[in-house]
Amino acid sequence: MDDLDRIDRSLLRLLQEDGRRTTLDLAR
C-alpha cells in the first residue's frame, strides 16, 4: 500500500509539472 501511495504521489507531481508547462506554453 505504501508503494502505491508513493507512486500515486509522484504521478500527481508529474501531472502538475506537465500541466504547468502546458499552461506556460499556451500563455506564450
N, C-alpha and C. Protein backbone atom coordinates (compact mmCIF):
# COMPACT_ATOMS: atom_id res chain seq x y z
N MET A 1 0.84 -1.20 0.00
CA MET A 1 0.00 0.00 0.00
C MET A 1 0.87 1.26 0.00
N ASP A 2 1.97 1.20 0.74
CA ASP A 2 2.87 2.36 0.82
C ASP A 2 3.48 2.66 -0.55
N ASP A 3 3.83 1.58 -1.27
CA ASP A 3 4.41 1.76 -2.60
C ASP A 3 3.43 2.45 -3.54
N LEU A 4 2.18 1.99 -3.53
CA LEU A 4 1.17 2.59 -4.39
C LEU A 4 0.99 4.06 -4.06
N ASP A 5 1.01 4.38 -2.78
CA ASP A 5 0.84 5.76 -2.35
C ASP A 5 1.97 6.63 -2.90
N ARG A 6 3.18 6.08 -2.84
CA ARG A 6 4.34 6.84 -3.31
C ARG A 6 4.25 7.04 -4.83
N ILE A 7 3.86 5.97 -5.54
CA ILE A 7 3.74 6.05 -7.00
C ILE A 7 2.66 7.07 -7.37
N ASP A 8 1.53 7.00 -6.65
CA ASP A 8 0.42 7.91 -6.91
C ASP A 8 0.87 9.36 -6.74
N ARG A 9 1.63 9.60 -5.69
CA ARG A 9 2.08 10.96 -5.40
C ARG A 9 3.03 11.46 -6.49
N SER A 10 3.96 10.59 -6.92
CA SER A 10 4.91 11.00 -7.96
C SER A 10 4.19 11.24 -9.27
N LEU A 11 3.17 10.43 -9.57
CA LEU A 11 2.39 10.63 -10.79
C LEU A 11 1.67 11.97 -10.74
N LEU A 12 1.09 12.28 -9.58
CA LEU A 12 0.40 13.56 -9.43
C LEU A 12 1.36 14.72 -9.64
N ARG A 13 2.58 14.58 -9.10
CA ARG A 13 3.57 15.64 -9.25
C ARG A 13 3.93 15.81 -10.73
N LEU A 14 4.10 14.68 -11.43
CA LEU A 14 4.43 14.74 -12.85
C LEU A 14 3.31 15.43 -13.62
N LEU A 15 2.07 15.09 -13.30
CA LEU A 15 0.93 15.69 -13.99
C LEU A 15 0.89 17.19 -13.73
N GLN A 16 1.14 17.59 -12.49
CA GLN A 16 1.12 19.01 -12.14
C GLN A 16 2.20 19.76 -12.91
N GLU A 17 3.42 19.20 -12.95
CA GLU A 17 4.51 19.85 -13.67
C GLU A 17 4.19 19.93 -15.16
N ASP A 18 3.61 18.86 -15.72
CA ASP A 18 3.24 18.83 -17.12
C ASP A 18 2.18 19.87 -17.42
N GLY A 19 1.19 19.97 -16.54
CA GLY A 19 0.12 20.94 -16.72
C GLY A 19 0.65 22.37 -16.66
N ARG A 20 1.58 22.60 -15.74
CA ARG A 20 2.16 23.93 -15.61
C ARG A 20 2.91 24.29 -16.88
N ARG A 21 3.68 23.33 -17.42
CA ARG A 21 4.45 23.57 -18.63
C ARG A 21 3.52 23.88 -19.80
N THR A 22 2.42 23.10 -19.90
CA THR A 22 1.45 23.32 -20.99
C THR A 22 0.82 24.70 -20.86
N THR A 23 0.48 25.08 -19.63
CA THR A 23 -0.14 26.39 -19.41
C THR A 23 0.83 27.50 -19.81
N LEU A 24 2.10 27.32 -19.47
CA LEU A 24 3.10 28.33 -19.83
C LEU A 24 3.24 28.41 -21.34
N ASP A 25 3.22 27.25 -22.01
CA ASP A 25 3.32 27.24 -23.47
C ASP A 25 2.14 27.96 -24.10
N LEU A 26 0.94 27.75 -23.57
CA LEU A 26 -0.25 28.39 -24.11
C LEU A 26 -0.22 29.89 -23.85
N ALA A 27 0.33 30.29 -22.71
CA ALA A 27 0.35 31.71 -22.34
C ALA A 27 1.34 32.49 -23.19
N ARG A 28 2.33 31.79 -23.76
CA ARG A 28 3.36 32.47 -24.51
C ARG A 28 2.81 33.10 -25.79
